[in-house]
Amino acid sequence: MKLACSLSSILALAMATLSSAAEPSILPGGKDRWTLVWQDEFDYPDAKLDEQWESQNGPSGHILCSRWRENAKVADGTLKLINRKEKRGGQDWTSGSILTRRTFQYGYFECRYRYAAAEGTNNSFWLMTRGPRPKTGKSFEIDINEGHYPNKVNTNIHNWSDIKVVDGRKTHPSSSRSFPFGTRPDVTIQLEIPVTAKRVRFSSRHPGHFHLGEFRLYAPNAAGFPRALSPTADRDKPGLVNFARDPGTRVTVNGHFDKDGAQRLKHLIDGKPETTWITRRDGVKSVEFEFDRERTVGCVQFLNGWKNRGHWQGLASEYRLEYHDGRRWVEMSAFDLKDGTVDFARDFHTYGLEWTPKELVFYVDGEVLRREKNEFCHSPSPVWLSLAIIKWAGKISDAIDGTFMEVDHVRVYQAR
């Protein structure tokens, strides 16, 4: 009997140690504001997942994968939602999606996870009502994060009660914001050794289309160079010469996003940072500047993405700048986000939502990302964890096979 008590004490101590070693929550306003009402640390055998979670088991009409319980695995203290290239449910891919058997109304919702390490994946932590329209508020969806590899956080608020048909297509009120990390809209590349050439080229293999704004190719300048986002950049420093806007410079591209692209091409050099040209969607995107004679370039500036309610969206994740030396293209500068420091598939990050009757506040690693008035999200909802394969998250390829979204914990707090 003494031995049994001793073993029990050891096990209890071990469990307490494990619990204390768990990653602490990052709570808005401090821990004294909140009471933990529900949690899952995924520190149990896989079979116990079904005690707290339901799983989708079937096809998905709006995405490229069916989703099944077999694609949700608990092991080594985390939950893995796994992508597989296999035909099932009438679709070519499978993945995982689960939701809590319990519903919650208001509070602070937190999930620590990392993305599947492939383009084309949608790594989601979200809330959505189920069943008939609720008595209070609307049927809603709050996407705390629909993460896209490698660096993008996407937040959405959907009103599913007020669906309308416009031009034969269903639509509904929604509010979405995308936040790319590790990239920036304003790029300035000051060359340590200026280059002399007749041709300069920008190219990118970024998946999907993106916006390019003002392009500047400055001659070396003793007084320095302006801020790339300045609306008066070409006049901000004495002595500036911008070859991109020279009347003798010819600008060519290898395709436009739409039929108005040729007209919008002038936006690359119109001196207005707020106007943009849109690249084509597929393949390599390129813009070439050909001067009427050789020019010496000491600094390159360009803008990319577009501004939505004070936030930049659609930033290029990869690009290359080159000049032609008369025989071949020579690299001046290159950037690839995948080689950078921000990779939400490599590292765990904590995503949170403070949901009150008045407000929705989105967080990443304890920092406020977005704040919105709560206009219709007033009914109990389960918590969802979902991995999906979708075209608008990037290139669909065999690289997706075997990747997984890995969840460390989910916690729900209510205000004291």
Protein backbone atom coordinates (compact mmCIF):
# COMPACT_ATOMS: atom_id res chain seq x y z
CA MET A 1 0.00 0.00 0.00
CA LYS A 2 2.87 2.35 0.81
CA LEU A 3 4.39 1.56 -2.59
CA ALA A 4 1.12 2.39 -4.39
CA CYS A 5 0.86 5.71 -2.54
CA SER A 6 4.45 6.48 -3.38
CA LEU A 7 3.93 5.80 -7.09
CA SER A 8 0.76 7.89 -7.03
CA SER A 9 2.65 10.79 -5.48
CA ILE A 10 5.41 10.51 -8.06
CA LEU A 11 2.90 10.51 -10.90
CA ALA A 12 1.09 13.50 -9.44
CA LEU A 13 4.37 15.37 -9.08
CA ALA A 14 5.30 14.52 -12.67
CA MET A 15 1.95 15.77 -13.97
CA ALA A 16 2.31 18.98 -11.96
CA THR A 17 5.78 19.48 -13.40
CA LEU A 18 4.48 18.98 -16.93
CA SER A 19 1.63 21.39 -16.31
CA SER A 20 3.95 24.07 -14.92
CA ALA A 21 6.25 23.64 -17.91
CA ALA A 22 3.42 24.36 -20.35
CA GLU A 23 3.77 27.55 -22.36
CA PRO A 24 2.12 30.33 -20.32
CA SER A 25 -0.79 32.26 -21.79
CA ILE A 26 -0.36 35.87 -22.86
CA LEU A 27 -3.47 37.46 -21.38
CA PRO A 28 -4.73 40.97 -22.27
CA GLY A 29 -4.52 43.21 -19.23
CA GLY A 30 -2.81 40.53 -17.13
CA LYS A 31 -3.85 37.22 -15.58
CA ASP A 32 -5.90 38.86 -12.81
CA ARG A 33 -8.56 39.80 -15.38
CA TRP A 34 -9.29 36.22 -16.43
CA THR A 35 -10.39 32.79 -15.25
CA LEU A 36 -9.44 29.69 -17.24
CA VAL A 37 -12.69 27.85 -18.05
CA TRP A 38 -11.54 25.30 -20.64
CA GLN A 39 -8.27 24.03 -22.09
CA ASP A 40 -6.72 21.27 -24.14
CA GLU A 41 -2.97 20.70 -23.89
CA PHE A 42 -3.09 17.52 -26.05
CA ASP A 43 -1.13 15.58 -23.43
CA TYR A 44 -3.08 12.32 -23.76
CA PRO A 45 -3.41 9.30 -26.10
CA ASP A 46 -4.91 9.96 -29.54
CA ALA A 47 -8.12 8.05 -28.77
CA LYS A 48 -9.08 10.62 -26.12
CA LEU A 49 -9.29 13.46 -28.67
CA ASP A 50 -12.91 12.51 -29.36
CA GLU A 51 -13.93 13.22 -25.77
CA GLN A 52 -13.69 16.99 -26.31
CA TRP A 53 -13.70 17.36 -30.10
CA GLU A 54 -15.86 16.38 -33.07
CA SER A 55 -14.20 15.70 -36.41
CA GLN A 56 -15.35 16.42 -39.93
CA ASN A 57 -15.63 13.14 -41.78
CA GLY A 58 -16.42 13.83 -45.40
CA PRO A 59 -15.82 15.95 -48.48
CA SER A 60 -15.59 19.73 -48.62
CA GLY A 61 -17.21 21.51 -51.54
CA HIS A 62 -15.43 24.85 -51.18
CA ILE A 63 -11.82 23.59 -50.81
CA LEU A 64 -9.60 21.01 -52.47
CA CYS A 65 -9.55 18.40 -49.70
CA SER A 66 -11.94 16.14 -47.85
CA ARG A 67 -11.28 16.02 -44.09
CA TRP A 68 -11.26 13.04 -41.75
CA ARG A 69 -10.62 11.96 -38.17
CA GLU A 70 -7.66 9.88 -39.38
CA ASN A 71 -5.91 13.11 -40.39
CA ALA A 72 -6.08 14.46 -36.81
CA LYS A 73 -3.45 12.81 -34.61
CA VAL A 74 -2.41 13.49 -31.03
CA ALA A 75 1.16 12.47 -30.22
CA ASP A 76 4.08 13.77 -28.16
CA GLY A 77 2.00 16.49 -26.54
CA THR A 78 0.64 18.16 -29.67
CA LEU A 79 -2.20 17.78 -32.17
CA LYS A 80 -1.23 17.33 -35.82
CA LEU A 81 -3.70 18.03 -38.63
CA ILE A 82 -2.11 16.22 -41.55
CA ASN A 83 -2.32 16.80 -45.31
CA ARG A 84 -2.21 13.72 -47.52
CA LYS A 85 -2.31 13.35 -51.28
CA GLU A 86 -4.93 10.63 -51.55
CA LYS A 87 -8.29 10.27 -53.26
CA ARG A 88 -11.09 10.13 -50.75
CA GLY A 89 -14.57 11.59 -50.62
CA GLY A 90 -14.36 12.50 -54.29
CA GLN A 91 -11.36 14.80 -53.76
CA ASP A 92 -7.64 14.46 -54.49
CA TRP A 93 -6.40 15.51 -51.05
CA THR A 94 -7.30 14.83 -47.42
CA SER A 95 -6.73 16.89 -44.29
CA GLY A 96 -8.20 17.45 -40.82
CA SER A 97 -10.78 19.70 -39.18
CA ILE A 98 -12.16 19.45 -35.64
CA LEU A 99 -14.46 21.49 -33.40
CA THR A 100 -15.16 21.48 -29.68
CA ARG A 101 -18.18 19.63 -28.38
CA ARG A 102 -18.72 22.56 -26.02
CA THR A 103 -19.74 26.09 -27.03
CA PHE A 104 -18.53 29.38 -25.55
CA GLN A 105 -19.80 32.95 -25.48
CA TYR A 106 -17.38 35.85 -24.98
CA GLY A 107 -13.98 35.66 -23.32
CA TYR A 108 -10.36 35.34 -24.42
CA PHE A 109 -9.57 32.52 -26.86
CA GLU A 110 -5.98 31.43 -27.40
CA CYS A 111 -4.23 28.85 -29.56
CA ARG A 112 -0.51 28.20 -29.89
CA TYR A 113 0.38 26.49 -33.15
CA ARG A 114 2.58 26.44 -36.21
CA TYR A 115 1.62 26.24 -39.87
CA ALA A 116 1.95 23.39 -42.33
CA ALA A 117 5.18 24.13 -44.20
CA ALA A 118 3.82 24.46 -47.74
CA GLU A 119 2.09 27.00 -49.95
CA GLY A 120 -1.56 26.34 -50.67
CA THR A 121 -2.42 25.52 -47.04
CA ASN A 122 -4.93 27.35 -44.84
CA ASN A 123 -4.07 26.92 -41.14
CA SER A 124 -7.10 28.02 -39.12
CA PHE A 125 -8.11 28.78 -35.55
CA TRP A 126 -11.68 30.11 -35.57
CA LEU A 127 -15.18 30.39 -34.14
CA MET A 128 -18.42 29.73 -36.02
CA THR A 129 -22.00 29.20 -34.90
CA ARG A 130 -23.81 26.00 -35.89
CA GLY A 131 -27.40 25.11 -36.62
CA PRO A 132 -30.32 27.51 -37.23
CA ARG A 133 -29.99 31.26 -36.97
CA PRO A 134 -29.38 32.18 -33.33
CA LYS A 135 -31.96 34.11 -31.32
CA THR A 136 -29.37 36.75 -30.44
CA GLY A 137 -27.28 38.38 -33.14
CA LYS A 138 -26.42 36.64 -36.41
CA SER A 139 -24.95 33.37 -37.58
CA PHE A 140 -21.30 34.35 -37.67
CA GLU A 141 -17.75 33.25 -38.29
CA ILE A 142 -14.68 34.83 -36.67
CA ASP A 143 -11.41 33.69 -38.20
CA ILE A 144 -8.88 34.46 -35.49
CA ASN A 145 -6.22 33.34 -37.95
CA GLU A 146 -6.41 31.68 -41.35
CA GLY A 147 -2.65 31.44 -41.64
CA HIS A 148 -0.87 31.08 -44.98
CA TYR A 149 2.70 29.79 -45.19
CA PRO A 150 5.20 31.22 -44.56
CA ASN A 151 4.37 34.59 -43.02
CA LYS A 152 0.75 35.66 -43.40
CA VAL A 153 -1.94 36.07 -40.73
CA ASN A 154 -5.48 36.49 -42.11
CA THR A 155 -8.40 37.65 -39.96
CA ASN A 156 -12.05 37.60 -41.08
CA ILE A 157 -15.47 38.40 -39.65
CA HIS A 158 -18.41 36.91 -41.58
CA ASN A 159 -22.16 37.53 -41.22
CA TRP A 160 -23.78 34.30 -42.47
CA SER A 161 -27.36 35.37 -41.72
CA ASP A 162 -27.65 38.05 -44.40
CA ILE A 163 -26.78 36.18 -47.58
CA LYS A 164 -27.78 37.86 -50.84
CA VAL A 165 -27.60 36.85 -54.48
CA VAL A 166 -25.86 39.41 -56.69
CA ASP A 167 -25.47 38.69 -60.42
CA GLY A 168 -26.25 35.05 -59.79
CA ARG A 169 -23.61 34.69 -57.04
CA LYS A 170 -24.19 34.40 -53.31
CA THR A 171 -22.55 37.08 -51.18
CA HIS A 172 -22.65 38.10 -47.54
CA PRO A 173 -21.37 40.95 -45.33
CA SER A 174 -17.77 40.34 -44.26
CA SER A 175 -14.68 42.18 -43.10
CA SER A 176 -11.22 40.78 -43.80
CA ARG A 177 -7.67 41.92 -43.14
CA SER A 178 -4.40 40.26 -44.06
CA PHE A 179 -1.14 40.87 -42.22
CA PRO A 180 2.15 39.73 -43.80
CA PHE A 181 5.08 39.57 -41.39
CA GLY A 182 8.72 40.07 -42.40
CA THR A 183 7.98 41.95 -45.61
CA ARG A 184 7.47 45.66 -46.19
CA PRO A 185 5.79 47.80 -48.83
CA ASP A 186 8.68 50.23 -49.25
CA VAL A 187 11.95 48.86 -50.59
CA THR A 188 15.15 50.89 -50.92
CA ILE A 189 18.30 49.27 -52.26
CA GLN A 190 21.29 51.60 -52.17
CA LEU A 191 24.13 50.07 -54.15
CA GLU A 192 27.55 50.09 -52.55
CA ILE A 193 29.04 50.01 -56.05
CA PRO A 194 26.81 51.79 -58.63
CA VAL A 195 26.15 49.89 -61.86
CA THR A 196 26.21 51.21 -65.42
CA ALA A 197 23.75 49.62 -67.85
CA LYS A 198 21.04 50.24 -70.44
CA ARG A 199 18.60 47.71 -68.94
CA VAL A 200 17.39 47.01 -65.41
CA ARG A 201 14.91 44.27 -64.54
CA PHE A 202 12.67 43.38 -61.62
CA SER A 203 11.31 39.82 -61.47
CA SER A 204 9.40 37.70 -58.97
CA ARG A 205 8.08 34.16 -58.60
CA HIS A 206 5.62 35.24 -55.91
CA PRO A 207 2.55 32.93 -56.04
CA GLY A 208 -0.41 34.83 -57.41
CA HIS A 209 -0.61 38.45 -58.51
CA PHE A 210 0.53 41.45 -56.50
CA HIS A 211 0.58 45.23 -56.83
CA LEU A 212 3.67 47.24 -57.76
CA GLY A 213 3.73 50.95 -57.12
CA GLU A 214 6.23 53.69 -57.78
CA PHE A 215 9.55 52.49 -59.26
CA ARG A 216 12.62 54.73 -59.03
CA LEU A 217 16.08 54.19 -60.52
CA TYR A 218 18.24 56.96 -59.11
CA ALA A 219 21.67 58.11 -60.24
CA PRO A 220 24.29 58.23 -57.46
CA ASN A 221 23.53 61.27 -55.33
CA ALA A 222 25.81 62.95 -52.80
CA ALA A 223 22.85 64.26 -50.80
CA GLY A 224 21.38 60.78 -50.38
CA PHE A 225 17.98 59.39 -51.29
CA PRO A 226 14.38 59.98 -50.12
CA ARG A 227 12.00 57.77 -48.19
CA ALA A 228 10.38 55.34 -50.61
CA LEU A 229 6.85 56.15 -49.37
CA SER A 230 7.26 59.90 -49.74
CA PRO A 231 4.69 61.42 -52.15
CA THR A 232 7.31 64.02 -53.14
CA ALA A 233 10.27 61.65 -53.32
CA ASP A 234 11.89 63.00 -56.48
CA ARG A 235 12.03 66.48 -54.91
CA ASP A 236 13.04 65.53 -51.37
CA LYS A 237 16.82 65.58 -51.89
CA PRO A 238 18.86 68.01 -53.98
CA GLY A 239 20.42 66.58 -57.11
CA LEU A 240 18.09 63.57 -57.57
CA VAL A 241 17.88 62.07 -61.06
CA ASN A 242 15.29 59.34 -61.56
CA PHE A 243 16.00 57.43 -64.78
CA ALA A 244 12.75 55.46 -64.50
CA ARG A 245 10.78 58.63 -65.32
CA ASP A 246 13.08 59.83 -68.08
CA PRO A 247 11.10 60.33 -71.37
CA GLY A 248 13.63 58.12 -73.15
CA THR A 249 13.10 55.14 -70.85
CA ARG A 250 10.93 52.30 -72.14
CA VAL A 251 8.98 50.16 -69.65
CA THR A 252 7.88 46.63 -70.62
CA VAL A 253 6.23 43.81 -68.67
CA ASN A 254 5.53 40.15 -69.38
CA GLY A 255 1.81 40.25 -68.74
CA HIS A 256 -0.95 42.07 -66.87
CA PHE A 257 -3.51 40.94 -64.31
CA ASP A 258 -6.47 42.15 -66.37
CA LYS A 259 -7.46 43.99 -69.53
CA ASP A 260 -6.82 47.40 -67.95
CA GLY A 261 -3.22 46.54 -67.12
CA ALA A 262 -1.70 48.33 -70.12
CA GLN A 263 -3.37 51.57 -69.04
CA ARG A 264 -2.27 51.11 -65.45
CA LEU A 265 1.35 50.51 -66.44
CA LYS A 266 1.96 54.26 -66.20
CA HIS A 267 1.34 53.96 -62.44
CA LEU A 268 4.81 52.48 -62.06
CA ILE A 269 6.36 55.87 -62.88
CA ASP A 270 3.65 58.50 -62.36
CA GLY A 271 5.18 59.89 -59.17
CA LYS A 272 2.15 58.87 -57.07
CA PRO A 273 2.84 56.23 -54.38
CA GLU A 274 -0.88 55.48 -53.99
CA THR A 275 -1.37 54.25 -57.58
CA THR A 276 -0.35 50.73 -58.61
CA TRP A 277 0.00 48.34 -61.51
CA ILE A 278 -1.01 44.68 -60.97
CA THR A 279 1.17 41.78 -62.08
CA ARG A 280 -0.17 38.73 -63.85
CA ARG A 281 -1.30 35.85 -61.64
CA ASP A 282 0.82 32.86 -62.77
CA GLY A 283 4.47 32.24 -63.47
CA VAL A 284 7.34 34.71 -63.29
CA LYS A 285 6.35 38.38 -63.16
CA SER A 286 8.81 40.88 -64.62
CA VAL A 287 9.20 44.59 -65.30
CA GLU A 288 12.08 45.84 -67.46
CA PHE A 289 13.38 49.39 -67.79
CA GLU A 290 15.39 50.12 -70.94
CA PHE A 291 17.20 53.46 -71.11
CA ASP A 292 17.96 55.34 -74.33
CA ARG A 293 21.67 55.07 -73.45
CA GLU A 294 23.80 53.66 -70.66
CA ARG A 295 23.00 55.10 -67.25
CA THR A 296 24.72 54.75 -63.87
CA VAL A 297 22.31 53.64 -61.14
CA GLY A 298 23.16 54.11 -57.48
CA CYS A 299 19.82 53.37 -55.80
CA VAL A 300 16.66 51.41 -56.63
CA GLN A 301 13.34 52.03 -54.90
CA PHE A 302 9.93 50.46 -55.41
CA LEU A 303 6.63 50.03 -53.61
CA ASN A 304 4.54 46.87 -53.51
CA GLY A 305 1.19 45.83 -52.10
CA TRP A 306 -1.84 48.04 -51.51
CA LYS A 307 -3.15 49.89 -48.48
CA ASN A 308 -6.45 48.79 -46.95
CA ARG A 309 -7.77 50.82 -44.01
CA GLY A 310 -4.29 51.75 -42.90
CA HIS A 311 -2.75 48.30 -43.39
CA TRP A 312 -0.59 47.06 -46.28
CA GLN A 313 -1.74 43.88 -47.99
CA GLY A 314 -0.56 41.66 -50.85
CA LEU A 315 3.19 42.20 -50.39
CA ALA A 316 5.60 40.32 -52.66
CA SER A 317 7.27 37.44 -50.83
CA GLU A 318 10.15 37.11 -53.28
CA TYR A 319 11.91 39.26 -55.88
CA ARG A 320 15.14 39.77 -57.79
CA LEU A 321 16.72 42.94 -59.23
CA GLU A 322 19.21 42.65 -62.07
CA TYR A 323 21.03 44.77 -64.64
CA HIS A 324 22.22 43.67 -68.08
CA ASP A 325 25.95 44.06 -68.64
CA GLY A 326 25.67 43.62 -72.43
CA ARG A 327 26.06 39.83 -72.28
CA ARG A 328 23.96 38.57 -69.41
CA TRP A 329 21.73 39.56 -66.50
CA VAL A 330 23.66 40.26 -63.29
CA GLU A 331 21.98 40.24 -59.89
CA MET A 332 22.00 43.47 -57.88
CA SER A 333 19.76 42.37 -55.03
CA ALA A 334 17.37 39.55 -54.15
CA PHE A 335 14.89 38.80 -51.39
CA ASP A 336 13.08 35.59 -50.47
CA LEU A 337 10.88 35.52 -47.42
CA LYS A 338 11.47 31.78 -46.99
CA ASP A 339 15.12 32.53 -46.28
CA GLY A 340 14.19 35.19 -43.73
CA THR A 341 13.50 35.21 -40.03
CA VAL A 342 9.68 35.00 -40.16
CA ASP A 343 8.41 31.48 -40.75
CA PHE A 344 5.17 30.56 -39.00
CA ALA A 345 5.72 26.90 -39.93
CA ARG A 346 9.13 26.75 -38.26
CA ASP A 347 8.17 28.41 -34.97
CA PHE A 348 5.14 28.20 -32.69
CA HIS A 349 3.21 31.45 -32.27
CA THR A 350 0.22 32.34 -30.11
CA TYR A 351 -2.95 33.69 -31.72
CA GLY A 352 -5.73 35.16 -29.61
CA LEU A 353 -9.13 36.81 -29.69
CA GLU A 354 -10.70 38.94 -26.98
CA TRP A 355 -14.44 38.66 -27.66
CA THR A 356 -16.76 40.95 -25.70
CA PRO A 357 -20.30 42.19 -26.35
CA LYS A 358 -18.79 45.44 -27.66
CA GLU A 359 -15.53 44.51 -29.36
CA LEU A 360 -13.39 41.94 -31.18
CA VAL A 361 -9.65 42.29 -30.59
CA PHE A 362 -7.19 40.05 -32.45
CA TYR A 363 -3.72 39.27 -31.07
CA VAL A 364 -0.46 37.67 -32.22
CA ASP A 365 2.03 36.78 -29.46
CA GLY A 366 0.30 39.17 -27.09
CA GLU A 367 0.37 42.17 -29.45
CA VAL A 368 -2.85 43.73 -30.75
CA LEU A 369 -3.20 43.06 -34.47
CA ARG A 370 -6.71 44.28 -35.18
CA ARG A 371 -9.61 45.85 -33.28
CA GLU A 372 -13.23 45.93 -34.50
CA LYS A 373 -16.63 46.83 -33.08
CA ASN A 374 -18.71 43.71 -32.37
CA GLU A 375 -21.83 44.30 -34.43
CA PHE A 376 -23.45 40.84 -34.61
CA CYS A 377 -21.33 38.11 -32.90
CA HIS A 378 -23.43 37.50 -29.79
CA SER A 379 -24.24 33.78 -29.67
CA PRO A 380 -22.44 30.72 -28.29
CA SER A 381 -19.97 29.07 -30.66
CA PRO A 382 -17.62 26.09 -30.65
CA VAL A 383 -13.90 26.51 -31.24
CA TRP A 384 -12.60 25.13 -34.56
CA LEU A 385 -9.13 23.96 -35.65
CA SER A 386 -8.88 23.30 -39.37
CA LEU A 387 -6.31 22.67 -42.06
CA ALA A 388 -7.36 23.11 -45.68
CA ILE A 389 -5.83 23.09 -49.14
CA ILE A 390 -6.95 26.08 -51.18
CA LYS A 391 -5.82 27.78 -54.37
CA TRP A 392 -5.78 31.31 -52.96
CA ALA A 393 -3.18 30.33 -50.33
CA GLY A 394 -0.50 29.66 -52.95
CA LYS A 395 0.72 27.04 -55.38
CA ILE A 396 -0.80 23.57 -55.09
CA SER A 397 1.96 20.97 -55.45
CA ASP A 398 3.18 17.63 -54.12
CA ALA A 399 5.17 19.59 -51.51
CA ILE A 400 1.92 19.74 -49.48
CA ASP A 401 1.81 15.95 -49.02
CA GLY A 402 2.70 14.98 -45.46
CA THR A 403 2.83 18.52 -44.05
CA PHE A 404 0.80 19.31 -40.96
CA MET A 405 -0.50 22.11 -38.76
CA GLU A 406 0.78 21.42 -35.24
CA VAL A 407 -1.17 22.67 -32.21
CA ASP A 408 0.43 22.96 -28.78
CA HIS A 409 -2.61 24.12 -26.82
CA VAL A 410 -6.06 25.75 -26.92
CA ARG A 411 -7.32 27.73 -23.93
CA VAL A 412 -10.51 29.64 -23.19
CA TYR A 413 -10.76 32.29 -20.48
CA GLN A 414 -13.67 34.33 -19.20
CA ALA A 415 -13.50 37.77 -17.61
CA ARG A 416 -13.72 37.83 -13.82
